[in-house]
Amino acid sequence: PTGSIYTENELRAIADFVVEKDIYIISDEMYEYLVYGNEKHVSIAS
């Protein structure tokens, strides 16, 4: 409910954690097109 968007750097840190722990991540990107200002959507799997 927050309207927040994770930056690329924030996602990269989380991705490193996921790989290190060898777990899955379910990335819910339902609102991926609804991004405002200078923000951009980044998919963690990329």
PDB file of all heavy atoms in Angstrom:
ATOM      1  N   PRO A   1       0.779  -1.244   0.000  1.00  0.00           N
ATOM      2  CA  PRO A   1       0.000   0.000   0.000  1.00  0.00           C
ATOM      3  C   PRO A   1       0.812   1.297   0.000  1.00  0.00           C
ATOM      4  O   PRO A   1       0.224   2.369   0.061  1.00  0.00           O
ATOM      5  CB  PRO A   1      -0.728  -0.111   1.343  1.00  0.00           C
ATOM      6  CG  PRO A   1       0.295  -0.734   2.252  1.00  0.00           C
ATOM      7  CD  PRO A   1       1.028  -1.725   1.382  1.00  0.00           C
ATOM      8  N   THR A   2       2.138   1.251  -0.048  1.00  0.00           N
ATOM      9  CA  THR A   2       2.927   2.455   0.249  1.00  0.00           C
ATOM     10  C   THR A   2       3.181   3.361  -0.948  1.00  0.00           C
ATOM     11  O   THR A   2       3.482   4.540  -0.772  1.00  0.00           O
ATOM     12  CB  THR A   2       4.291   2.060   0.834  1.00  0.00           C
ATOM     13  OG1 THR A   2       5.065   1.372  -0.167  1.00  0.00           O
ATOM     14  CG2 THR A   2       4.125   1.160   2.047  1.00  0.00           C
ATOM     15  N   GLY A   3       3.113   2.810  -2.160  1.00  0.00           N
ATOM     16  CA  GLY A   3       3.476   3.596  -3.335  1.00  0.00           C
ATOM     17  C   GLY A   3       4.970   3.735  -3.537  1.00  0.00           C
ATOM     18  O   GLY A   3       5.417   4.467  -4.426  1.00  0.00           O
ATOM     19  N   SER A   4       5.776   3.018  -2.747  1.00  0.00           N
ATOM     20  CA  SER A   4       7.234   3.102  -2.870  1.00  0.00           C
ATOM     21  C   SER A   4       7.746   2.230  -4.012  1.00  0.00           C
ATOM     22  O   SER A   4       7.126   1.224  -4.383  1.00  0.00           O
ATOM     23  CB  SER A   4       7.899   2.652  -1.564  1.00  0.00           C
ATOM     24  OG  SER A   4       7.648   3.559  -0.523  1.00  0.00           O
ATOM     25  N   ILE A   5       8.919   2.622  -4.527  1.00  0.00           N
ATOM     26  CA  ILE A   5       9.573   1.860  -5.590  1.00  0.00           C
ATOM     27  C   ILE A   5      11.003   1.571  -5.151  1.00  0.00           C
ATOM     28  O   ILE A   5      11.723   2.466  -4.691  1.00  0.00           O
ATOM     29  CB  ILE A   5       9.584   2.658  -6.911  1.00  0.00           C
ATOM     30  CG1 ILE A   5       8.149   2.863  -7.417  1.00  0.00           C
ATOM     31  CG2 ILE A   5      10.427   1.948  -7.968  1.00  0.00           C
ATOM     32  CD1 ILE A   5       8.061   3.759  -8.639  1.00  0.00           C
ATOM     33  N   TYR A   6      11.414   0.327  -5.291  1.00  0.00           N
ATOM     34  CA  TYR A   6      12.787  -0.043  -4.968  1.00  0.00           C
ATOM     35  C   TYR A   6      13.723   0.423  -6.085  1.00  0.00           C
ATOM     36  O   TYR A   6      13.435   0.233  -7.268  1.00  0.00           O
ATOM     37  CB  TYR A   6      12.912  -1.559  -4.801  1.00  0.00           C
ATOM     38  CG  TYR A   6      12.376  -2.077  -3.488  1.00  0.00           C
ATOM     39  CD1 TYR A   6      11.012  -2.278  -3.303  1.00  0.00           C
ATOM     40  CD2 TYR A   6      13.232  -2.369  -2.425  1.00  0.00           C
ATOM     41  CE1 TYR A   6      10.509  -2.760  -2.101  1.00  0.00           C
ATOM     42  CE2 TYR A   6      12.746  -2.855  -1.216  1.00  0.00           C
ATOM     43  CZ  TYR A   6      11.388  -3.041  -1.061  1.00  0.00           C
ATOM     44  OH  TYR A   6      10.893  -3.523   0.135  1.00  0.00           O
ATOM     45  N   THR A   7      14.839   1.021  -5.696  1.00  0.00           N
ATOM     46  CA  THR A   7      15.838   1.443  -6.671  1.00  0.00           C
ATOM     47  C   THR A   7      16.637   0.241  -7.143  1.00  0.00           C
ATOM     48  O   THR A   7      16.611  -0.840  -6.537  1.00  0.00           O
ATOM     49  CB  THR A   7      16.803   2.461  -6.053  1.00  0.00           C
ATOM     50  OG1 THR A   7      17.586   1.803  -5.032  1.00  0.00           O
ATOM     51  CG2 THR A   7      16.058   3.637  -5.452  1.00  0.00           C
ATOM     52  N   GLU A   8      17.392   0.439  -8.204  1.00  0.00           N
ATOM     53  CA  GLU A   8      18.230  -0.646  -8.716  1.00  0.00           C
ATOM     54  C   GLU A   8      19.244  -1.098  -7.662  1.00  0.00           C
ATOM     55  O   GLU A   8      19.461  -2.299  -7.473  1.00  0.00           O
ATOM     56  CB  GLU A   8      18.954  -0.202  -9.991  1.00  0.00           C
ATOM     57  CG  GLU A   8      19.842  -1.297 -10.575  1.00  0.00           C
ATOM     58  CD  GLU A   8      20.451  -0.905 -11.904  1.00  0.00           C
ATOM     59  OE1 GLU A   8      19.926   0.010 -12.571  1.00  0.00           O
ATOM     60  OE2 GLU A   8      21.469  -1.530 -12.273  1.00  0.00           O
ATOM     61  N   ASN A   9      19.861  -0.159  -6.974  1.00  0.00           N
ATOM     62  CA  ASN A   9      20.851  -0.523  -5.960  1.00  0.00           C
ATOM     63  C   ASN A   9      20.221  -1.309  -4.810  1.00  0.00           C
ATOM     64  O   ASN A   9      20.815  -2.270  -4.296  1.00  0.00           O
ATOM     65  CB  ASN A   9      21.549   0.722  -5.421  1.00  0.00           C
ATOM     66  CG  ASN A   9      22.535   1.311  -6.413  1.00  0.00           C
ATOM     67  OD1 ASN A   9      22.991   0.626  -7.334  1.00  0.00           O
ATOM     68  ND2 ASN A   9      22.867   2.581  -6.246  1.00  0.00           N
ATOM     69  N   GLU A  10      19.037  -0.902  -4.403  1.00  0.00           N
ATOM     70  CA  GLU A  10      18.341  -1.619  -3.334  1.00  0.00           C
ATOM     71  C   GLU A  10      18.007  -3.043  -3.762  1.00  0.00           C
ATOM     72  O   GLU A  10      18.168  -4.001  -2.995  1.00  0.00           O
ATOM     73  CB  GLU A  10      17.072  -0.865  -2.938  1.00  0.00           C
ATOM     74  CG  GLU A  10      17.353   0.445  -2.204  1.00  0.00           C
ATOM     75  CD  GLU A  10      16.135   1.338  -2.095  1.00  0.00           C
ATOM     76  OE1 GLU A  10      15.190   1.181  -2.912  1.00  0.00           O
ATOM     77  OE2 GLU A  10      16.127   2.228  -1.211  1.00  0.00           O
ATOM     78  N   LEU A  11      17.563  -3.180  -5.002  1.00  0.00           N
ATOM     79  CA  LEU A  11      17.227  -4.506  -5.510  1.00  0.00           C
ATOM     80  C   LEU A  11      18.468  -5.376  -5.678  1.00  0.00           C
ATOM     81  O   LEU A  11      18.432  -6.592  -5.426  1.00  0.00           O
ATOM     82  CB  LEU A  11      16.484  -4.388  -6.843  1.00  0.00           C
ATOM     83  CG  LEU A  11      15.046  -3.852  -6.761  1.00  0.00           C
ATOM     84  CD1 LEU A  11      14.491  -3.626  -8.164  1.00  0.00           C
ATOM     85  CD2 LEU A  11      14.143  -4.806  -5.986  1.00  0.00           C
ATOM     86  N   ARG A  12      19.564  -4.775  -6.099  1.00  0.00           N
ATOM     87  CA  ARG A  12      20.806  -5.560  -6.251  1.00  0.00           C
ATOM     88  C   ARG A  12      21.268  -6.120  -4.909  1.00  0.00           C
ATOM     89  O   ARG A  12      21.747  -7.257  -4.827  1.00  0.00           O
ATOM     90  CB  ARG A  12      21.903  -4.701  -6.896  1.00  0.00           C
ATOM     91  CG  ARG A  12      21.708  -4.481  -8.395  1.00  0.00           C
ATOM     92  CD  ARG A  12      22.912  -3.841  -9.042  1.00  0.00           C
ATOM     93  NE  ARG A  12      22.691  -3.636 -10.469  1.00  0.00           N
ATOM     94  CZ  ARG A  12      22.893  -4.562 -11.407  1.00  0.00           C
ATOM     95  NH1 ARG A  12      23.324  -5.771 -11.033  1.00  0.00           N
ATOM     96  NH2 ARG A  12      22.674  -4.302 -12.674  1.00  0.00           N
ATOM     97  N   ALA A  13      21.126  -5.341  -3.854  1.00  0.00           N
ATOM     98  CA  ALA A  13      21.507  -5.824  -2.526  1.00  0.00           C
ATOM     99  C   ALA A  13      20.620  -6.995  -2.111  1.00  0.00           C
ATOM    100  O   ALA A  13      21.103  -7.998  -1.557  1.00  0.00           O
ATOM    101  CB  ALA A  13      21.409  -4.688  -1.515  1.00  0.00           C
ATOM    102  N   ILE A  14      19.326  -6.881  -2.378  1.00  0.00           N
ATOM    103  CA  ILE A  14      18.401  -7.966  -2.042  1.00  0.00           C
ATOM    104  C   ILE A  14      18.689  -9.192  -2.898  1.00  0.00           C
ATOM    105  O   ILE A  14      18.653 -10.339  -2.419  1.00  0.00           O
ATOM    106  CB  ILE A  14      16.945  -7.497  -2.220  1.00  0.00           C
ATOM    107  CG1 ILE A  14      16.630  -6.410  -1.192  1.00  0.00           C
ATOM    108  CG2 ILE A  14      15.975  -8.669  -2.083  1.00  0.00           C
ATOM    109  CD1 ILE A  14      15.296  -5.713  -1.412  1.00  0.00           C
ATOM    110  N   ALA A  15      19.013  -8.970  -4.173  1.00  0.00           N
ATOM    111  CA  ALA A  15      19.341 -10.092  -5.065  1.00  0.00           C
ATOM    112  C   ALA A  15      20.564 -10.845  -4.559  1.00  0.00           C
ATOM    113  O   ALA A  15      20.601 -12.093  -4.560  1.00  0.00           O
ATOM    114  CB  ALA A  15      19.579  -9.580  -6.482  1.00  0.00           C
ATOM    115  N   ASP A  16      21.567 -10.128  -4.121  1.00  0.00           N
ATOM    116  CA  ASP A  16      22.773 -10.778  -3.573  1.00  0.00           C
ATOM    117  C   ASP A  16      22.416 -11.618  -2.344  1.00  0.00           C
ATOM    118  O   ASP A  16      22.944 -12.724  -2.158  1.00  0.00           O
ATOM    119  CB  ASP A  16      23.816  -9.722  -3.196  1.00  0.00           C
ATOM    120  CG  ASP A  16      24.441  -9.044  -4.408  1.00  0.00           C
ATOM    121  OD1 ASP A  16      24.321  -9.601  -5.527  1.00  0.00           O
ATOM    122  OD2 ASP A  16      25.048  -7.967  -4.234  1.00  0.00           O
ATOM    123  N   PHE A  17      21.535 -11.105  -1.512  1.00  0.00           N
ATOM    124  CA  PHE A  17      21.085 -11.845  -0.328  1.00  0.00           C
ATOM    125  C   PHE A  17      20.376 -13.134  -0.734  1.00  0.00           C
ATOM    126  O   PHE A  17      20.623 -14.212  -0.175  1.00  0.00           O
ATOM    127  CB  PHE A  17      20.150 -10.958   0.501  1.00  0.00           C
ATOM    128  CG  PHE A  17      19.519 -11.640   1.678  1.00  0.00           C
ATOM    129  CD1 PHE A  17      20.192 -11.721   2.887  1.00  0.00           C
ATOM    130  CD2 PHE A  17      18.247 -12.191   1.585  1.00  0.00           C
ATOM    131  CE1 PHE A  17      19.608 -12.343   3.989  1.00  0.00           C
ATOM    132  CE2 PHE A  17      17.653 -12.815   2.670  1.00  0.00           C
ATOM    133  CZ  PHE A  17      18.341 -12.892   3.873  1.00  0.00           C
ATOM    134  N   VAL A  18      19.487 -13.044  -1.713  1.00  0.00           N
ATOM    135  CA  VAL A  18      18.734 -14.212  -2.187  1.00  0.00           C
ATOM    136  C   VAL A  18      19.670 -15.280  -2.728  1.00  0.00           C
ATOM    137  O   VAL A  18      19.533 -16.472  -2.422  1.00  0.00           O
ATOM    138  CB  VAL A  18      17.711 -13.782  -3.262  1.00  0.00           C
ATOM    139  CG1 VAL A  18      17.106 -14.992  -3.971  1.00  0.00           C
ATOM    140  CG2 VAL A  18      16.609 -12.932  -2.641  1.00  0.00           C
ATOM    141  N   VAL A  19      20.642 -14.858  -3.522  1.00  0.00           N
ATOM    142  CA  VAL A  19      21.597 -15.813  -4.093  1.00  0.00           C
ATOM    143  C   VAL A  19      22.465 -16.428  -2.999  1.00  0.00           C
ATOM    144  O   VAL A  19      22.692 -17.645  -2.971  1.00  0.00           O
ATOM    145  CB  VAL A  19      22.462 -15.121  -5.165  1.00  0.00           C
ATOM    146  CG1 VAL A  19      23.577 -16.053  -5.638  1.00  0.00           C
ATOM    147  CG2 VAL A  19      21.594 -14.683  -6.349  1.00  0.00           C
ATOM    148  N   GLU A  20      22.932 -15.599  -2.093  1.00  0.00           N
ATOM    149  CA  GLU A  20      23.777 -16.104  -0.999  1.00  0.00           C
ATOM    150  C   GLU A  20      23.046 -17.152  -0.158  1.00  0.00           C
ATOM    151  O   GLU A  20      23.612 -18.192   0.198  1.00  0.00           O
ATOM    152  CB  GLU A  20      24.203 -14.946  -0.098  1.00  0.00           C
ATOM    153  CG  GLU A  20      25.021 -15.374   1.115  1.00  0.00           C
ATOM    154  CD  GLU A  20      25.115 -14.294   2.173  1.00  0.00           C
ATOM    155  OE1 GLU A  20      24.839 -13.125   1.858  1.00  0.00           O
ATOM    156  OE2 GLU A  20      25.446 -14.640   3.324  1.00  0.00           O
ATOM    157  N   LYS A  21      21.770 -16.890   0.144  1.00  0.00           N
ATOM    158  CA  LYS A  21      21.002 -17.806   0.981  1.00  0.00           C
ATOM    159  C   LYS A  21      20.399 -18.957   0.175  1.00  0.00           C
ATOM    160  O   LYS A  21      19.861 -19.909   0.753  1.00  0.00           O
ATOM    161  CB  LYS A  21      19.871 -17.045   1.691  1.00  0.00           C
ATOM    162  CG  LYS A  21      20.350 -15.881   2.559  1.00  0.00           C
ATOM    163  CD  LYS A  21      21.252 -16.336   3.685  1.00  0.00           C
ATOM    164  CE  LYS A  21      21.597 -15.185   4.616  1.00  0.00           C
ATOM    165  NZ  LYS A  21      22.541 -15.567   5.683  1.00  0.00           N
ATOM    166  N   ASP A  22      20.472 -18.849  -1.140  1.00  0.00           N
ATOM    167  CA  ASP A  22      19.931 -19.881  -2.037  1.00  0.00           C
ATOM    168  C   ASP A  22      18.438 -20.104  -1.779  1.00  0.00           C
ATOM    169  O   ASP A  22      17.982 -21.224  -1.531  1.00  0.00           O
ATOM    170  CB  ASP A  22      20.697 -21.190  -1.887  1.00  0.00           C
ATOM    171  CG  ASP A  22      20.446 -22.134  -3.070  1.00  0.00           C
ATOM    172  OD1 ASP A  22      20.050 -21.645  -4.145  1.00  0.00           O
ATOM    173  OD2 ASP A  22      20.643 -23.358  -2.903  1.00  0.00           O
ATOM    174  N   ILE A  23      17.691 -19.015  -1.845  1.00  0.00           N
ATOM    175  CA  ILE A  23      16.243 -19.066  -1.676  1.00  0.00           C
ATOM    176  C   ILE A  23      15.581 -18.469  -2.920  1.00  0.00           C
ATOM    177  O   ILE A  23      16.260 -17.984  -3.825  1.00  0.00           O
ATOM    178  CB  ILE A  23      15.800 -18.294  -0.414  1.00  0.00           C
ATOM    179  CG1 ILE A  23      16.255 -16.832  -0.481  1.00  0.00           C
ATOM    180  CG2 ILE A  23      16.337 -18.985   0.850  1.00  0.00           C
ATOM    181  CD1 ILE A  23      15.788 -15.977   0.696  1.00  0.00           C
ATOM    182  N   TYR A  24      14.260 -18.510  -2.941  1.00  0.00           N
ATOM    183  CA  TYR A  24      13.512 -17.929  -4.053  1.00  0.00           C
ATOM    184  C   TYR A  24      13.070 -16.508  -3.703  1.00  0.00           C
ATOM    185  O   TYR A  24      13.024 -16.124  -2.528  1.00  0.00           O
ATOM    186  CB  TYR A  24      12.259 -18.750  -4.357  1.00  0.00           C
ATOM    187  CG  TYR A  24      12.512 -20.090  -4.975  1.00  0.00           C
ATOM    188  CD1 TYR A  24      12.293 -21.263  -4.246  1.00  0.00           C
ATOM    189  CD2 TYR A  24      12.952 -20.211  -6.293  1.00  0.00           C
ATOM    190  CE1 TYR A  24      12.509 -22.510  -4.811  1.00  0.00           C
ATOM    191  CE2 TYR A  24      13.172 -21.450  -6.869  1.00  0.00           C
ATOM    192  CZ  TYR A  24      12.947 -22.597  -6.120  1.00  0.00           C
ATOM    193  OH  TYR A  24      13.165 -23.830  -6.682  1.00  0.00           O
ATOM    194  N   ILE A  25      12.725 -15.756  -4.735  1.00  0.00           N
ATOM    195  CA  ILE A  25      12.040 -14.485  -4.531  1.00  0.00           C
ATOM    196  C   ILE A  25      10.867 -14.417  -5.495  1.00  0.00           C
ATOM    197  O   ILE A  25      11.010 -14.713  -6.693  1.00  0.00           O
ATOM    198  CB  ILE A  25      12.976 -13.269  -4.703  1.00  0.00           C
ATOM    199  CG1 ILE A  25      12.215 -11.969  -4.404  1.00  0.00           C
ATOM    200  CG2 ILE A  25      13.617 -13.220  -6.083  1.00  0.00           C
ATOM    201  CD1 ILE A  25      13.115 -10.777  -4.151  1.00  0.00           C
ATOM    202  N   ILE A  26       9.706 -14.123  -4.962  1.00  0.00           N
ATOM    203  CA  ILE A  26       8.517 -13.886  -5.782  1.00  0.00           C
ATOM    204  C   ILE A  26       8.395 -12.376  -5.938  1.00  0.00           C
ATOM    205  O   ILE A  26       8.164 -11.653  -4.963  1.00  0.00           O
ATOM    206  CB  ILE A  26       7.264 -14.479  -5.135  1.00  0.00           C
ATOM    207  CG1 ILE A  26       7.394 -16.009  -5.056  1.00  0.00           C
ATOM    208  CG2 ILE A  26       6.013 -14.092  -5.925  1.00  0.00           C
ATOM    209  CD1 ILE A  26       6.229 -16.694  -4.359  1.00  0.00           C
ATOM    210  N   SER A  27       8.596 -11.900  -7.154  1.00  0.00           N
ATOM    211  CA  SER A  27       8.603 -10.467  -7.427  1.00  0.00           C
ATOM    212  C   SER A  27       7.262 -10.057  -8.026  1.00  0.00           C
ATOM    213  O   SER A  27       6.964 -10.352  -9.182  1.00  0.00           O
ATOM    214  CB  SER A  27       9.742 -10.118  -8.387  1.00  0.00           C
ATOM    215  OG  SER A  27       9.804  -8.731  -8.618  1.00  0.00           O
ATOM    216  N   ASP A  28       6.440  -9.387  -7.221  1.00  0.00           N
ATOM    217  CA  ASP A  28       5.119  -8.932  -7.651  1.00  0.00           C
ATOM    218  C   ASP A  28       5.269  -7.554  -8.280  1.00  0.00           C
ATOM    219  O   ASP A  28       5.478  -6.562  -7.580  1.00  0.00           O
ATOM    220  CB  ASP A  28       4.172  -8.897  -6.456  1.00  0.00           C
ATOM    221  CG  ASP A  28       2.752  -8.483  -6.839  1.00  0.00           C
ATOM    222  OD1 ASP A  28       2.520  -8.151  -8.017  1.00  0.00           O
ATOM    223  OD2 ASP A  28       1.886  -8.487  -5.948  1.00  0.00           O
ATOM    224  N   GLU A  29       5.146  -7.507  -9.602  1.00  0.00           N
ATOM    225  CA  GLU A  29       5.374  -6.277 -10.353  1.00  0.00           C
ATOM    226  C   GLU A  29       4.101  -5.795 -11.048  1.00  0.00           C
ATOM    227  O   GLU A  29       4.137  -5.217 -12.136  1.00  0.00           O
ATOM    228  CB  GLU A  29       6.523  -6.506 -11.347  1.00  0.00           C
ATOM    229  CG  GLU A  29       7.798  -6.987 -10.646  1.00  0.00           C
ATOM    230  CD  GLU A  29       8.979  -7.251 -11.563  1.00  0.00           C
ATOM    231  OE1 GLU A  29       8.975  -6.767 -12.729  1.00  0.00           O
ATOM    232  OE2 GLU A  29       9.928  -7.938 -11.124  1.00  0.00           O
ATOM    233  N   MET A  30       2.965  -6.032 -10.389  1.00  0.00           N
ATOM    234  CA  MET A  30       1.668  -5.713 -10.971  1.00  0.00           C
ATOM    235  C   MET A  30       1.546  -4.243 -11.372  1.00  0.00           C
ATOM    236  O   MET A  30       0.885  -3.909 -12.354  1.00  0.00           O
ATOM    237  CB  MET A  30       0.557  -6.091  -9.984  1.00  0.00           C
ATOM    238  CG  MET A  30      -0.844  -5.751 -10.440  1.00  0.00           C
ATOM    239  SD  MET A  30      -1.353  -6.607 -11.958  1.00  0.00           S
ATOM    240  CE  MET A  30      -1.600  -8.278 -11.341  1.00  0.00           C
ATOM    241  N   TYR A  31       2.191  -3.349 -10.628  1.00  0.00           N
ATOM    242  CA  TYR A  31       2.052  -1.906 -10.892  1.00  0.00           C
ATOM    243  C   TYR A  31       3.234  -1.347 -11.700  1.00  0.00           C
ATOM    244  O   TYR A  31       3.508  -0.151 -11.652  1.00  0.00           O
ATOM    245  CB  TYR A  31       1.947  -1.158  -9.557  1.00  0.00           C
ATOM    246  CG  TYR A  31       0.716  -1.512  -8.750  1.00  0.00           C
ATOM    247  CD1 TYR A  31       0.748  -2.542  -7.819  1.00  0.00           C
ATOM    248  CD2 TYR A  31      -0.481  -0.826  -8.923  1.00  0.00           C
ATOM    249  CE1 TYR A  31      -0.381  -2.874  -7.064  1.00  0.00           C
ATOM    250  CE2 TYR A  31      -1.608  -1.140  -8.183  1.00  0.00           C
ATOM    251  CZ  TYR A  31      -1.554  -2.172  -7.255  1.00  0.00           C
ATOM    252  OH  TYR A  31      -2.671  -2.489  -6.513  1.00  0.00           O
ATOM    253  N   GLU A  32       3.922  -2.201 -12.434  1.00  0.00           N
ATOM    254  CA  GLU A  32       5.189  -1.838 -13.064  1.00  0.00           C
ATOM    255  C   GLU A  32       5.112  -0.642 -14.009  1.00  0.00           C
ATOM    256  O   GLU A  32       6.099   0.089 -14.155  1.00  0.00           O
ATOM    257  CB  GLU A  32       5.757  -3.046 -13.824  1.00  0.00           C
ATOM    258  CG  GLU A  32       4.835  -3.582 -14.906  1.00  0.00           C
ATOM    259  CD  GLU A  32       5.277  -4.937 -15.447  1.00  0.00           C
ATOM    260  OE1 GLU A  32       6.401  -5.347 -15.163  1.00  0.00           O
ATOM    261  OE2 GLU A  32       4.474  -5.579 -16.158  1.00  0.00           O
ATOM    262  N   TYR A  33       3.977  -0.412 -14.660  1.00  0.00           N
ATOM    263  CA  TYR A  33       3.862   0.722 -15.574  1.00  0.00           C
ATOM    264  C   TYR A  33       3.480   2.018 -14.853  1.00  0.00           C
ATOM    265  O   TYR A  33       3.636   3.110 -15.410  1.00  0.00           O
ATOM    266  CB  TYR A  33       2.813   0.439 -16.651  1.00  0.00           C
ATOM    267  CG  TYR A  33       3.265  -0.545 -17.712  1.00  0.00           C
ATOM    268  CD1 TYR A  33       2.633  -1.779 -17.841  1.00  0.00           C
ATOM    269  CD2 TYR A  33       4.298  -0.242 -18.594  1.00  0.00           C
ATOM    270  CE1 TYR A  33       3.036  -2.690 -18.813  1.00  0.00           C
ATOM    271  CE2 TYR A  33       4.705  -1.139 -19.567  1.00  0.00           C
ATOM    272  CZ  TYR A  33       4.068  -2.364 -19.673  1.00  0.00           C
ATOM    273  OH  TYR A  33       4.463  -3.266 -20.628  1.00  0.00           O
ATOM    274  N   LEU A  34       2.968   1.893 -13.648  1.00  0.00           N
ATOM    275  CA  LEU A  34       2.468   3.067 -12.919  1.00  0.00           C
ATOM    276  C   LEU A  34       3.591   3.647 -12.070  1.00  0.00           C
ATOM    277  O   LEU A  34       3.652   3.495 -10.856  1.00  0.00           O
ATOM    278  CB  LEU A  34       1.267   2.678 -12.067  1.00  0.00           C
ATOM    279  CG  LEU A  34       0.113   2.002 -12.825  1.00  0.00           C
ATOM    280  CD1 LEU A  34      -1.045   1.718 -11.896  1.00  0.00           C
ATOM    281  CD2 LEU A  34      -0.325   2.842 -14.026  1.00  0.00           C
ATOM    282  N   VAL A  35       4.488   4.366 -12.738  1.00  0.00           N
ATOM    283  CA  VAL A  35       5.693   4.929 -12.136  1.00  0.00           C
ATOM    284  C   VAL A  35       5.761   6.407 -12.517  1.00  0.00           C
ATOM    285  O   VAL A  35       5.527   6.764 -13.672  1.00  0.00           O
ATOM    286  CB  VAL A  35       6.944   4.178 -12.647  1.00  0.00           C
ATOM    287  CG1 VAL A  35       8.207   4.846 -12.179  1.00  0.00           C
ATOM    288  CG2 VAL A  35       6.908   2.722 -12.177  1.00  0.00           C
ATOM    289  N   TYR A  36       6.087   7.268 -11.538  1.00  0.00           N
ATOM    290  CA  TYR A  36       5.962   8.701 -11.750  1.00  0.00           C
ATOM    291  C   TYR A  36       7.283   9.452 -11.565  1.00  0.00           C
ATOM    292  O   TYR A  36       8.220   8.958 -10.932  1.00  0.00           O
ATOM    293  CB  TYR A  36       4.901   9.258 -10.786  1.00  0.00           C
ATOM    294  CG  TYR A  36       3.655   8.411 -10.756  1.00  0.00           C
ATOM    295  CD1 TYR A  36       3.154   7.907  -9.564  1.00  0.00           C
ATOM    296  CD2 TYR A  36       3.000   8.074 -11.940  1.00  0.00           C
ATOM    297  CE1 TYR A  36       2.025   7.108  -9.537  1.00  0.00           C
ATOM    298  CE2 TYR A  36       1.872   7.275 -11.927  1.00  0.00           C
ATOM    299  CZ  TYR A  36       1.396   6.789 -10.729  1.00  0.00           C
ATOM    300  OH  TYR A  36       0.281   5.980 -10.713  1.00  0.00           O
ATOM    301  N   GLY A  37       7.312  10.652 -12.120  1.00  0.00           N
ATOM    302  CA  GLY A  37       8.494  11.497 -11.991  1.00  0.00           C
ATOM    303  C   GLY A  37       9.701  10.879 -12.674  1.00  0.00           C
ATOM    304  O   GLY A  37       9.615  10.361 -13.786  1.00  0.00           O
ATOM    305  N   ASN A  38      10.832  10.916 -11.990  1.00  0.00           N
ATOM    306  CA  ASN A  38      12.068  10.371 -12.542  1.00  0.00           C
ATOM    307  C   ASN A  38      12.315   8.921 -12.130  1.00  0.00           C
ATOM    308  O   ASN A  38      13.385   8.367 -12.398  1.00  0.00           O
ATOM    309  CB  ASN A  38      13.259  11.224 -12.098  1.00  0.00           C
ATOM    310  CG  ASN A  38      13.195  12.633 -12.666  1.00  0.00           C
ATOM    311  OD1 ASN A  38      12.804  12.832 -13.810  1.00  0.00           O
ATOM    312  ND2 ASN A  38      13.567  13.620 -11.855  1.00  0.00           N
ATOM    313  N   GLU A  39      11.333   8.322 -11.462  1.00  0.00           N
ATOM    314  CA  GLU A  39      11.488   6.934 -11.023  1.00  0.00           C
ATOM    315  C   GLU A  39      11.417   5.992 -12.225  1.00  0.00           C
ATOM    316  O   GLU A  39      10.845   6.321 -13.263  1.00  0.00           O
ATOM    317  CB  GLU A  39      10.402   6.568 -10.015  1.00  0.00           C
ATOM    318  CG  GLU A  39      10.346   7.467  -8.802  1.00  0.00           C
ATOM    319  CD  GLU A  39      11.602   7.379  -7.964  1.00  0.00           C
ATOM    320  OE1 GLU A  39      12.243   6.319  -7.953  1.00  0.00           O
ATOM    321  OE2 GLU A  39      11.943   8.393  -7.304  1.00  0.00           O
ATOM    322  N   LYS A  40      11.991   4.805 -12.065  1.00  0.00           N
ATOM    323  CA  LYS A  40      11.869   3.799 -13.107  1.00  0.00           C
ATOM    324  C   LYS A  40      11.690   2.437 -12.467  1.00  0.00           C
ATOM    325  O   LYS A  40      12.130   2.191 -11.335  1.00  0.00           O
ATOM    326  CB  LYS A  40      13.084   3.791 -14.031  1.00  0.00           C
ATOM    327  CG  LYS A  40      14.366   3.269 -13.420  1.00  0.00           C
ATOM    328  CD  LYS A  40      15.448   3.127 -14.488  1.00  0.00           C
ATOM    329  CE  LYS A  40      16.718   2.485 -13.901  1.00  0.00           C
ATOM    330  NZ  LYS A  40      17.713   2.198 -14.948  1.00  0.00           N
ATOM    331  N   HIS A  41      11.005   1.583 -13.192  1.00  0.00           N
ATOM    332  CA  HIS A  41      10.778   0.232 -12.684  1.00  0.00           C
ATOM    333  C   HIS A  41      11.929  -0.669 -13.106  1.00  0.00           C
ATOM    334  O   HIS A  41      12.358  -0.654 -14.256  1.00  0.00           O
ATOM    335  CB  HIS A  41       9.469  -0.341 -13.225  1.00  0.00           C
ATOM    336  CG  HIS A  41       9.247  -1.760 -12.822  1.00  0.00           C
ATOM    337  ND1 HIS A  41       8.902  -2.121 -11.542  1.00  0.00           N
ATOM    338  CD2 HIS A  41       9.353  -2.919 -13.526  1.00  0.00           C
ATOM    339  CE1 HIS A  41       8.796  -3.435 -11.469  1.00  0.00           C
ATOM    340  NE2 HIS A  41       9.062  -3.942 -12.648  1.00  0.00           N
ATOM    341  N   VAL A  42      12.416  -1.462 -12.150  1.00  0.00           N
ATOM    342  CA  VAL A  42      13.497  -2.414 -12.421  1.00  0.00           C
ATOM    343  C   VAL A  42      13.041  -3.798 -11.970  1.00  0.00           C
ATOM    344  O   VAL A  42      12.511  -3.958 -10.862  1.00  0.00           O
ATOM    345  CB  VAL A  42      14.785  -2.025 -11.662  1.00  0.00           C
ATOM    346  CG1 VAL A  42      15.886  -3.056 -11.932  1.00  0.00           C
ATOM    347  CG2 VAL A  42      15.246  -0.631 -12.078  1.00  0.00           C
ATOM    348  N   SER A  43      13.240  -4.793 -12.812  1.00  0.00           N
ATOM    349  CA  SER A  43      12.913  -6.179 -12.467  1.00  0.00           C
ATOM    350  C   SER A  43      14.141  -6.846 -11.865  1.00  0.00           C
ATOM    351  O   SER A  43      15.210  -6.886 -12.481  1.00  0.00           O
ATOM    352  CB  SER A  43      12.458  -6.948 -13.709  1.00  0.00           C
ATOM    353  OG  SER A  43      11.213  -6.459 -14.163  1.00  0.00           O
ATOM    354  N   ILE A  44      13.985  -7.400 -10.675  1.00  0.00           N
ATOM    355  CA  ILE A  44      15.119  -7.960  -9.964  1.00  0.00           C
ATOM    356  C   ILE A  44      15.743  -9.138 -10.705  1.00  0.00           C
ATOM    357  O   ILE A  44      16.952  -9.374 -10.614  1.00  0.00           O
ATOM    358  CB  ILE A  44      14.707  -8.369  -8.526  1.00  0.00           C
ATOM    359  CG1 ILE A  44      15.942  -8.631  -7.661  1.00  0.00           C
ATOM    360  CG2 ILE A  44      13.743  -9.552  -8.529  1.00  0.00           C
ATOM    361  CD1 ILE A  44      15.635  -8.763  -6.174  1.00  0.00           C
ATOM    362  N   ALA A  45      14.947  -9.859 -11.472  1.00  0.00           N
ATOM    363  CA  ALA A  45      15.469 -11.037 -12.178  1.00  0.00           C
ATOM    364  C   ALA A  45      16.398 -10.675 -13.328  1.00  0.00           C
ATOM    365  O   ALA A  45      17.052 -11.554 -13.903  1.00  0.00           O
ATOM    366  CB  ALA A  45      14.318 -11.887 -12.708  1.00  0.00           C
ATOM    367  N   SER A  46      16.473  -9.380 -13.667  1.00  0.00           N
ATOM    368  CA  SER A  46      17.233  -8.964 -14.846  1.00  0.00           C
ATOM    369  C   SER A  46      18.731  -8.820 -14.593  1.00  0.00           C
ATOM    370  O   SER A  46      19.497  -8.607 -15.534  1.00  0.00           O
ATOM    371  CB  SER A  46      16.688  -7.631 -15.377  1.00  0.00           C
ATOM    372  OG  SER A  46      16.913  -6.582 -14.445  1.00  0.00           O
TER     373      SER A  46
END
